[in-house]
Each structure stands twice: as C-alpha cells, then as structure tokens.
N, C-alpha and C. Protein backbone atom coordinates (compact mmCIF):
# COMPACT_ATOMS: atom_id res chain seq x y z
N MET A 1 -31.56 110.25 60.30
CA MET A 1 -30.99 111.56 60.24
C MET A 1 -32.05 112.51 59.70
N ASP A 2 -32.04 113.75 60.13
CA ASP A 2 -32.99 114.77 59.71
C ASP A 2 -32.78 115.07 58.23
N SER A 3 -33.85 114.88 57.42
CA SER A 3 -33.72 115.07 55.98
C SER A 3 -33.57 116.54 55.61
N ARG A 4 -33.91 117.46 56.53
CA ARG A 4 -33.79 118.90 56.25
C ARG A 4 -32.39 119.41 56.53
N ALA A 5 -31.58 118.64 57.25
CA ALA A 5 -30.23 119.08 57.58
C ALA A 5 -29.35 119.04 56.34
N GLN A 6 -28.55 120.10 56.18
CA GLN A 6 -27.66 120.17 55.03
C GLN A 6 -26.28 120.60 55.48
N GLY A 7 -25.30 120.24 54.67
CA GLY A 7 -23.94 120.70 54.89
C GLY A 7 -23.40 120.35 56.26
N GLY A 8 -22.92 121.39 56.97
CA GLY A 8 -22.30 121.21 58.28
C GLY A 8 -23.26 120.66 59.32
N LYS A 9 -24.54 121.04 59.21
CA LYS A 9 -25.52 120.54 60.16
C LYS A 9 -25.71 119.03 60.01
N ALA A 10 -25.76 118.57 58.76
CA ALA A 10 -25.89 117.13 58.50
C ALA A 10 -24.67 116.39 59.01
N PHE A 11 -23.49 116.98 58.79
CA PHE A 11 -22.25 116.36 59.27
C PHE A 11 -22.26 116.29 60.79
N GLY A 12 -22.73 117.37 61.45
CA GLY A 12 -22.81 117.39 62.91
C GLY A 12 -23.74 116.33 63.44
N LEU A 13 -24.89 116.13 62.78
CA LEU A 13 -25.83 115.09 63.18
C LEU A 13 -25.23 113.70 62.99
N LEU A 14 -24.53 113.51 61.88
CA LEU A 14 -23.88 112.24 61.61
C LEU A 14 -22.84 111.93 62.69
N LYS A 15 -22.04 112.92 63.05
CA LYS A 15 -21.02 112.73 64.09
C LYS A 15 -21.67 112.48 65.44
N SER A 16 -22.79 113.14 65.71
CA SER A 16 -23.50 112.95 66.96
C SER A 16 -24.00 111.51 67.09
N HIS A 17 -24.56 110.97 66.00
CA HIS A 17 -25.03 109.58 66.01
C HIS A 17 -23.86 108.61 66.18
N GLN A 18 -22.76 108.92 65.52
CA GLN A 18 -21.57 108.08 65.65
C GLN A 18 -21.07 108.10 67.09
N LEU A 19 -21.04 109.28 67.71
CA LEU A 19 -20.60 109.41 69.10
C LEU A 19 -21.51 108.61 70.03
N ASP A 20 -22.82 108.66 69.80
CA ASP A 20 -23.76 107.90 70.62
C ASP A 20 -23.49 106.39 70.52
N ARG A 21 -23.24 105.91 69.29
CA ARG A 21 -22.97 104.48 69.10
C ARG A 21 -21.67 104.08 69.80
N LEU A 22 -20.64 104.91 69.68
CA LEU A 22 -19.37 104.59 70.31
C LEU A 22 -19.46 104.68 71.83
N ASN A 23 -20.22 105.63 72.34
CA ASN A 23 -20.41 105.72 73.79
C ASN A 23 -21.14 104.50 74.32
N ALA A 24 -22.08 103.99 73.55
CA ALA A 24 -22.79 102.78 73.97
C ALA A 24 -21.82 101.61 74.08
N ILE A 25 -20.89 101.51 73.15
CA ILE A 25 -19.90 100.44 73.21
C ILE A 25 -18.97 100.65 74.39
N ASN A 26 -18.62 101.89 74.69
CA ASN A 26 -17.70 102.19 75.79
C ASN A 26 -18.33 101.96 77.16
N GLU A 27 -19.61 101.66 77.23
CA GLU A 27 -20.24 101.35 78.51
C GLU A 27 -19.62 100.11 79.14
N TYR A 28 -18.90 99.34 78.36
CA TYR A 28 -18.27 98.13 78.87
C TYR A 28 -17.01 98.43 79.68
N ALA A 29 -16.59 99.67 79.72
CA ALA A 29 -15.30 100.04 80.32
C ALA A 29 -15.19 99.64 81.80
N ASP A 30 -16.31 99.51 82.51
CA ASP A 30 -16.24 99.18 83.93
C ASP A 30 -16.23 97.67 84.20
N VAL A 31 -16.18 96.86 83.16
CA VAL A 31 -16.16 95.41 83.32
C VAL A 31 -14.75 94.97 83.75
N GLU A 32 -14.69 94.15 84.78
CA GLU A 32 -13.42 93.66 85.29
C GLU A 32 -12.72 92.80 84.24
N ASP A 33 -11.42 93.04 84.05
CA ASP A 33 -10.59 92.30 83.11
C ASP A 33 -11.19 92.34 81.70
N LEU A 34 -11.57 93.55 81.29
CA LEU A 34 -12.28 93.73 80.02
C LEU A 34 -11.48 93.26 78.82
N ALA A 35 -10.20 93.59 78.74
CA ALA A 35 -9.39 93.23 77.57
C ALA A 35 -9.35 91.72 77.37
N CYS A 36 -9.17 90.98 78.45
CA CYS A 36 -9.11 89.52 78.38
C CYS A 36 -10.46 88.95 77.94
N LYS A 37 -11.55 89.47 78.51
CA LYS A 37 -12.88 88.99 78.16
C LYS A 37 -13.21 89.30 76.71
N LEU A 38 -12.87 90.52 76.25
CA LEU A 38 -13.15 90.88 74.87
C LEU A 38 -12.39 89.98 73.90
N ASP A 39 -11.16 89.66 74.23
CA ASP A 39 -10.39 88.77 73.37
C ASP A 39 -11.02 87.38 73.32
N MET A 40 -11.45 86.88 74.47
CA MET A 40 -12.09 85.57 74.53
C MET A 40 -13.40 85.57 73.74
N PHE A 41 -14.21 86.64 73.90
CA PHE A 41 -15.48 86.73 73.18
C PHE A 41 -15.24 86.85 71.67
N LYS A 42 -14.21 87.60 71.29
CA LYS A 42 -13.89 87.76 69.87
C LYS A 42 -13.53 86.40 69.26
N GLN A 43 -12.71 85.61 69.96
CA GLN A 43 -12.33 84.29 69.46
C GLN A 43 -13.56 83.38 69.33
N LYS A 44 -14.42 83.40 70.35
CA LYS A 44 -15.64 82.58 70.32
C LYS A 44 -16.53 83.01 69.17
N TYR A 45 -16.68 84.32 68.98
CA TYR A 45 -17.53 84.84 67.91
C TYR A 45 -16.99 84.44 66.54
N MET A 46 -15.68 84.58 66.36
CA MET A 46 -15.07 84.25 65.07
C MET A 46 -15.20 82.76 64.76
N GLU A 47 -15.16 81.94 65.80
CA GLU A 47 -15.27 80.50 65.62
C GLU A 47 -16.60 80.10 64.99
N PHE A 48 -17.65 80.85 65.30
CA PHE A 48 -18.99 80.48 64.82
C PHE A 48 -19.54 81.41 63.75
N ASP A 49 -18.74 82.37 63.30
CA ASP A 49 -19.09 83.18 62.14
C ASP A 49 -18.67 82.38 60.92
N LEU A 50 -19.53 81.45 60.51
CA LEU A 50 -19.17 80.46 59.50
C LEU A 50 -18.94 81.05 58.12
N ASN A 51 -19.66 82.12 57.78
CA ASN A 51 -19.52 82.68 56.44
C ASN A 51 -18.54 83.86 56.39
N ASP A 52 -17.89 84.16 57.51
CA ASP A 52 -16.91 85.25 57.61
C ASP A 52 -17.46 86.60 57.13
N LYS A 53 -18.75 86.83 57.34
CA LYS A 53 -19.36 88.10 56.96
C LYS A 53 -19.54 89.02 58.16
N GLY A 54 -19.12 88.58 59.33
CA GLY A 54 -19.23 89.43 60.52
C GLY A 54 -20.48 89.20 61.34
N ASP A 55 -21.26 88.19 60.99
CA ASP A 55 -22.49 87.86 61.73
C ASP A 55 -22.57 86.36 61.95
N ILE A 56 -23.17 85.98 63.08
CA ILE A 56 -23.46 84.56 63.31
C ILE A 56 -24.88 84.33 62.82
N ASP A 57 -25.01 83.44 61.84
CA ASP A 57 -26.34 83.14 61.32
C ASP A 57 -26.91 81.91 62.04
N MET A 58 -28.06 81.47 61.59
CA MET A 58 -28.74 80.35 62.24
C MET A 58 -27.88 79.09 62.25
N MET A 59 -27.17 78.82 61.15
CA MET A 59 -26.32 77.62 61.09
C MET A 59 -25.14 77.74 62.05
N GLY A 60 -24.59 78.95 62.19
CA GLY A 60 -23.49 79.14 63.14
C GLY A 60 -23.94 78.91 64.57
N LEU A 61 -25.13 79.41 64.90
CA LEU A 61 -25.69 79.20 66.23
C LEU A 61 -25.97 77.72 66.47
N LYS A 62 -26.50 77.06 65.45
CA LYS A 62 -26.78 75.62 65.55
C LYS A 62 -25.49 74.84 65.79
N ARG A 63 -24.44 75.18 65.04
CA ARG A 63 -23.15 74.49 65.20
C ARG A 63 -22.57 74.75 66.59
N MET A 64 -22.70 75.99 67.08
CA MET A 64 -22.19 76.34 68.40
C MET A 64 -22.83 75.46 69.47
N LEU A 65 -24.15 75.33 69.42
CA LEU A 65 -24.86 74.55 70.42
C LEU A 65 -24.62 73.05 70.27
N GLU A 66 -24.51 72.58 69.03
CA GLU A 66 -24.21 71.16 68.83
C GLU A 66 -22.83 70.82 69.37
N LYS A 67 -21.88 71.72 69.19
CA LYS A 67 -20.52 71.49 69.70
C LYS A 67 -20.54 71.38 71.23
N LEU A 68 -21.47 72.10 71.85
CA LEU A 68 -21.60 72.06 73.30
C LEU A 68 -22.49 70.91 73.75
N GLY A 69 -22.98 70.11 72.80
CA GLY A 69 -23.82 68.96 73.14
C GLY A 69 -25.26 69.34 73.42
N LEU A 70 -25.71 70.48 72.88
CA LEU A 70 -27.07 70.96 73.12
C LEU A 70 -27.80 71.20 71.81
N ALA A 71 -28.10 70.17 71.08
CA ALA A 71 -28.81 70.32 69.82
C ALA A 71 -30.19 70.92 70.09
N LYS A 72 -30.58 71.89 69.27
CA LYS A 72 -31.86 72.58 69.43
C LYS A 72 -32.66 72.51 68.14
N THR A 73 -33.99 72.64 68.26
CA THR A 73 -34.85 72.68 67.09
C THR A 73 -34.74 74.06 66.45
N HIS A 74 -35.25 74.17 65.24
CA HIS A 74 -35.22 75.44 64.52
C HIS A 74 -35.96 76.53 65.30
N LEU A 75 -37.10 76.18 65.88
CA LEU A 75 -37.86 77.17 66.66
C LEU A 75 -37.10 77.62 67.91
N GLU A 76 -36.41 76.69 68.57
CA GLU A 76 -35.61 77.05 69.74
C GLU A 76 -34.46 77.97 69.34
N LEU A 77 -33.85 77.69 68.19
CA LEU A 77 -32.77 78.54 67.70
C LEU A 77 -33.27 79.95 67.39
N LYS A 78 -34.45 80.05 66.77
CA LYS A 78 -35.02 81.36 66.45
C LYS A 78 -35.31 82.14 67.73
N LYS A 79 -35.81 81.45 68.76
CA LYS A 79 -36.11 82.12 70.03
C LYS A 79 -34.82 82.60 70.68
N MET A 80 -33.79 81.78 70.67
CA MET A 80 -32.51 82.17 71.26
C MET A 80 -31.94 83.38 70.51
N MET A 81 -32.02 83.35 69.19
CA MET A 81 -31.50 84.45 68.39
C MET A 81 -32.27 85.73 68.70
N SER A 82 -33.58 85.62 68.86
CA SER A 82 -34.40 86.78 69.19
C SER A 82 -34.01 87.37 70.55
N GLU A 83 -33.71 86.51 71.52
CA GLU A 83 -33.27 86.99 72.84
C GLU A 83 -31.96 87.75 72.73
N VAL A 84 -31.05 87.25 71.91
CA VAL A 84 -29.74 87.86 71.79
C VAL A 84 -29.82 89.22 71.11
N VAL A 85 -30.63 89.34 70.08
CA VAL A 85 -30.72 90.60 69.34
C VAL A 85 -31.76 91.54 69.91
N GLY A 86 -32.30 91.23 71.06
CA GLY A 86 -33.24 92.14 71.73
C GLY A 86 -34.62 92.18 71.13
N GLY A 87 -35.08 91.05 70.61
CA GLY A 87 -36.44 90.97 70.08
C GLY A 87 -36.57 91.42 68.64
N ALA A 88 -35.52 91.96 68.06
CA ALA A 88 -35.58 92.38 66.67
C ALA A 88 -35.71 91.14 65.78
N SER A 89 -36.37 91.29 64.66
CA SER A 89 -36.55 90.15 63.76
C SER A 89 -35.37 90.11 62.78
N LYS A 90 -34.23 89.71 63.31
CA LYS A 90 -33.03 89.59 62.49
C LYS A 90 -32.66 88.11 62.39
N ASP A 91 -32.02 87.76 61.29
CA ASP A 91 -31.61 86.38 61.07
C ASP A 91 -30.15 86.14 61.43
N THR A 92 -29.49 87.17 61.98
CA THR A 92 -28.09 87.03 62.35
C THR A 92 -27.82 87.73 63.67
N ILE A 93 -26.73 87.35 64.31
CA ILE A 93 -26.29 87.99 65.55
C ILE A 93 -25.03 88.78 65.22
N SER A 94 -25.09 90.09 65.40
CA SER A 94 -23.91 90.92 65.14
C SER A 94 -22.97 90.83 66.34
N TYR A 95 -21.74 91.26 66.14
CA TYR A 95 -20.77 91.22 67.23
C TYR A 95 -21.21 92.14 68.36
N THR A 96 -21.81 93.27 68.04
CA THR A 96 -22.30 94.19 69.08
C THR A 96 -23.40 93.54 69.90
N ASP A 97 -24.33 92.85 69.24
CA ASP A 97 -25.39 92.13 69.96
C ASP A 97 -24.78 91.06 70.86
N PHE A 98 -23.77 90.36 70.34
CA PHE A 98 -23.10 89.31 71.10
C PHE A 98 -22.43 89.89 72.35
N LEU A 99 -21.75 91.03 72.19
CA LEU A 99 -21.11 91.67 73.34
C LEU A 99 -22.14 92.18 74.34
N ASP A 100 -23.25 92.76 73.84
CA ASP A 100 -24.31 93.22 74.74
C ASP A 100 -24.80 92.07 75.61
N MET A 101 -24.95 90.90 74.99
CA MET A 101 -25.42 89.74 75.74
C MET A 101 -24.36 89.27 76.73
N MET A 102 -23.13 89.11 76.28
CA MET A 102 -22.09 88.52 77.12
C MET A 102 -21.64 89.45 78.25
N LEU A 103 -21.70 90.76 78.02
CA LEU A 103 -21.23 91.69 79.04
C LEU A 103 -22.36 92.22 79.92
N GLY A 104 -23.54 91.65 79.80
CA GLY A 104 -24.58 91.91 80.77
C GLY A 104 -25.69 92.85 80.40
N LYS A 105 -25.65 93.48 79.25
CA LYS A 105 -26.74 94.39 78.90
C LYS A 105 -28.01 93.65 78.49
N ARG A 106 -27.84 92.42 78.03
CA ARG A 106 -28.99 91.66 77.56
C ARG A 106 -28.94 90.27 78.17
N HIS A 107 -30.06 89.79 78.64
CA HIS A 107 -30.11 88.45 79.24
C HIS A 107 -30.64 87.47 78.21
N ALA A 108 -29.92 86.38 78.05
CA ALA A 108 -30.34 85.36 77.10
C ALA A 108 -29.82 84.01 77.58
N ILE A 109 -30.54 82.97 77.22
CA ILE A 109 -30.14 81.62 77.61
C ILE A 109 -28.78 81.27 77.01
N LEU A 110 -28.48 81.82 75.83
CA LEU A 110 -27.19 81.55 75.20
C LEU A 110 -26.03 82.03 76.07
N LYS A 111 -26.23 83.14 76.77
CA LYS A 111 -25.19 83.65 77.67
C LYS A 111 -24.90 82.63 78.77
N LEU A 112 -25.96 82.08 79.34
CA LEU A 112 -25.78 81.09 80.40
C LEU A 112 -25.05 79.85 79.88
N ILE A 113 -25.42 79.42 78.68
CA ILE A 113 -24.78 78.25 78.09
C ILE A 113 -23.30 78.50 77.90
N LEU A 114 -22.94 79.65 77.36
CA LEU A 114 -21.54 79.96 77.10
C LEU A 114 -20.76 80.18 78.39
N MET A 115 -21.42 80.74 79.41
CA MET A 115 -20.73 80.93 80.69
C MET A 115 -20.42 79.59 81.34
N PHE A 116 -21.37 78.66 81.32
CA PHE A 116 -21.14 77.35 81.91
C PHE A 116 -20.12 76.55 81.12
N GLU A 117 -20.08 76.75 79.80
CA GLU A 117 -19.07 76.08 78.98
C GLU A 117 -17.68 76.55 79.42
N GLY A 118 -17.53 77.84 79.67
CA GLY A 118 -16.26 78.39 80.12
C GLY A 118 -15.87 77.88 81.49
N MET A 119 -16.86 77.70 82.37
CA MET A 119 -16.57 77.20 83.71
C MET A 119 -16.07 75.77 83.65
N ASN A 120 -16.63 74.97 82.77
CA ASN A 120 -16.20 73.58 82.64
C ASN A 120 -14.77 73.48 82.15
N LYS A 121 -14.35 74.42 81.32
CA LYS A 121 -12.98 74.38 80.81
C LYS A 121 -11.98 74.75 81.88
N ASP A 122 -12.41 75.55 82.87
CA ASP A 122 -11.50 75.97 83.93
C ASP A 122 -11.17 74.83 84.87
N GLU A 123 -12.09 73.88 85.02
CA GLU A 123 -11.85 72.76 85.91
C GLU A 123 -10.81 71.84 85.30
N LYS A 124 -9.78 71.52 86.06
CA LYS A 124 -8.73 70.67 85.54
C LYS A 124 -9.03 69.21 85.86
N GLU A 125 -8.82 68.40 84.85
CA GLU A 125 -8.98 66.96 85.02
C GLU A 125 -7.79 66.43 85.82
N PRO A 126 -8.02 65.51 86.74
CA PRO A 126 -6.88 64.92 87.45
C PRO A 126 -6.00 64.16 86.46
N GLU A 127 -4.71 64.27 86.67
CA GLU A 127 -3.78 63.61 85.77
C GLU A 127 -3.21 62.37 86.43
N GLY A 128 -2.87 61.39 85.62
CA GLY A 128 -2.25 60.18 86.12
C GLY A 128 -3.25 59.19 86.65
N PRO A 129 -2.76 58.07 87.13
CA PRO A 129 -3.66 57.04 87.66
C PRO A 129 -4.27 57.47 88.99
N ALA A 130 -5.41 56.92 89.29
CA ALA A 130 -6.07 57.23 90.55
C ALA A 130 -5.24 56.69 91.71
N SER A 131 -5.29 57.41 92.82
CA SER A 131 -4.53 56.96 93.97
C SER A 131 -5.21 55.72 94.58
N PRO A 132 -4.42 54.80 95.12
CA PRO A 132 -5.00 53.58 95.70
C PRO A 132 -5.82 53.94 96.95
N LYS A 133 -6.93 53.27 97.11
CA LYS A 133 -7.79 53.51 98.26
C LYS A 133 -7.91 52.22 99.08
N THR A 134 -8.05 52.42 100.36
CA THR A 134 -8.30 51.27 101.23
C THR A 134 -9.79 51.01 101.28
N PHE A 135 -10.17 49.89 101.81
CA PHE A 135 -11.58 49.54 101.90
C PHE A 135 -12.37 50.58 102.69
N SER A 136 -11.80 51.14 103.73
CA SER A 136 -12.51 52.11 104.57
C SER A 136 -12.72 53.45 103.86
N GLN A 137 -11.96 53.73 102.81
CA GLN A 137 -12.10 55.00 102.08
C GLN A 137 -13.18 54.93 101.00
N LEU A 138 -13.66 53.75 100.67
CA LEU A 138 -14.66 53.60 99.65
C LEU A 138 -16.00 54.13 100.14
N PRO A 139 -16.82 54.66 99.23
CA PRO A 139 -18.13 55.21 99.67
C PRO A 139 -19.10 54.15 100.10
C-alpha cells in the first residue's frame, strides 16, 4: 500500500486491493459444477491440514501422498510444494494456492495425482461372486 496515502485515500487503496483479491477468486465462476467441486476440494484440503492452521505443511503433503501409495523424498515434496505455490519459497500450501492448482490456474504434478485418485474412486468394484465362464470364454 502507498505509504503516502492517508485517511480516505488509504481506505480506498485497501478496498481496491481487497476487490482485486476477491475478483481473482471469482475467476472460478465459469468452472462447471463449481459448488460440488469446491466442496470436494475443501474436504480434501481439511483432511490434510494436520495442524488446523489453514495451511497444508510438508507433513500434511507427505501424509496425503503416502495415503495414495506414493511416498516421496523430502526433495520431491519440496519441489511439489513449490509447483503448487507458484515457485514462491513457502513451507505451506494455502487454500487459495490449492484452489488455483485444482481449478486450472496452476499446473502441478499434485493436481494430476489428486485427479487420478478421484477417477479411481468413481470406478465401481463388481459386487458378488464372479460369473461362471465356459472354457471358450477364457483368455
């Protein structure tokens, strides 16, 4: 914010910055089935926000990937985190960074991992015993 701004001018600049941040979030409005996706992303994010401070830290990211069967080294985790936060040297992933990644503004390997995890859950396992096959039906 401009250090020379005072009173109403400072308030106007503050509101302008706030409006810019909110407009950036509203860019998601054209995403198909946005409410459902946001709810799903919120649940996923909350699941791995281990310290309940509103950010996914390195341990939360590690746990997320281990749960998916993809254990990574510390350096791989740091690289993934850097991709998600847009190259910034942060030690946590904010919810806004997570949404930017998941809704397409940022490309990261973590997005692909989470998308494929969701696809696997959509596939239904056959229920009940396998149907009997004749000899000619065998591969």
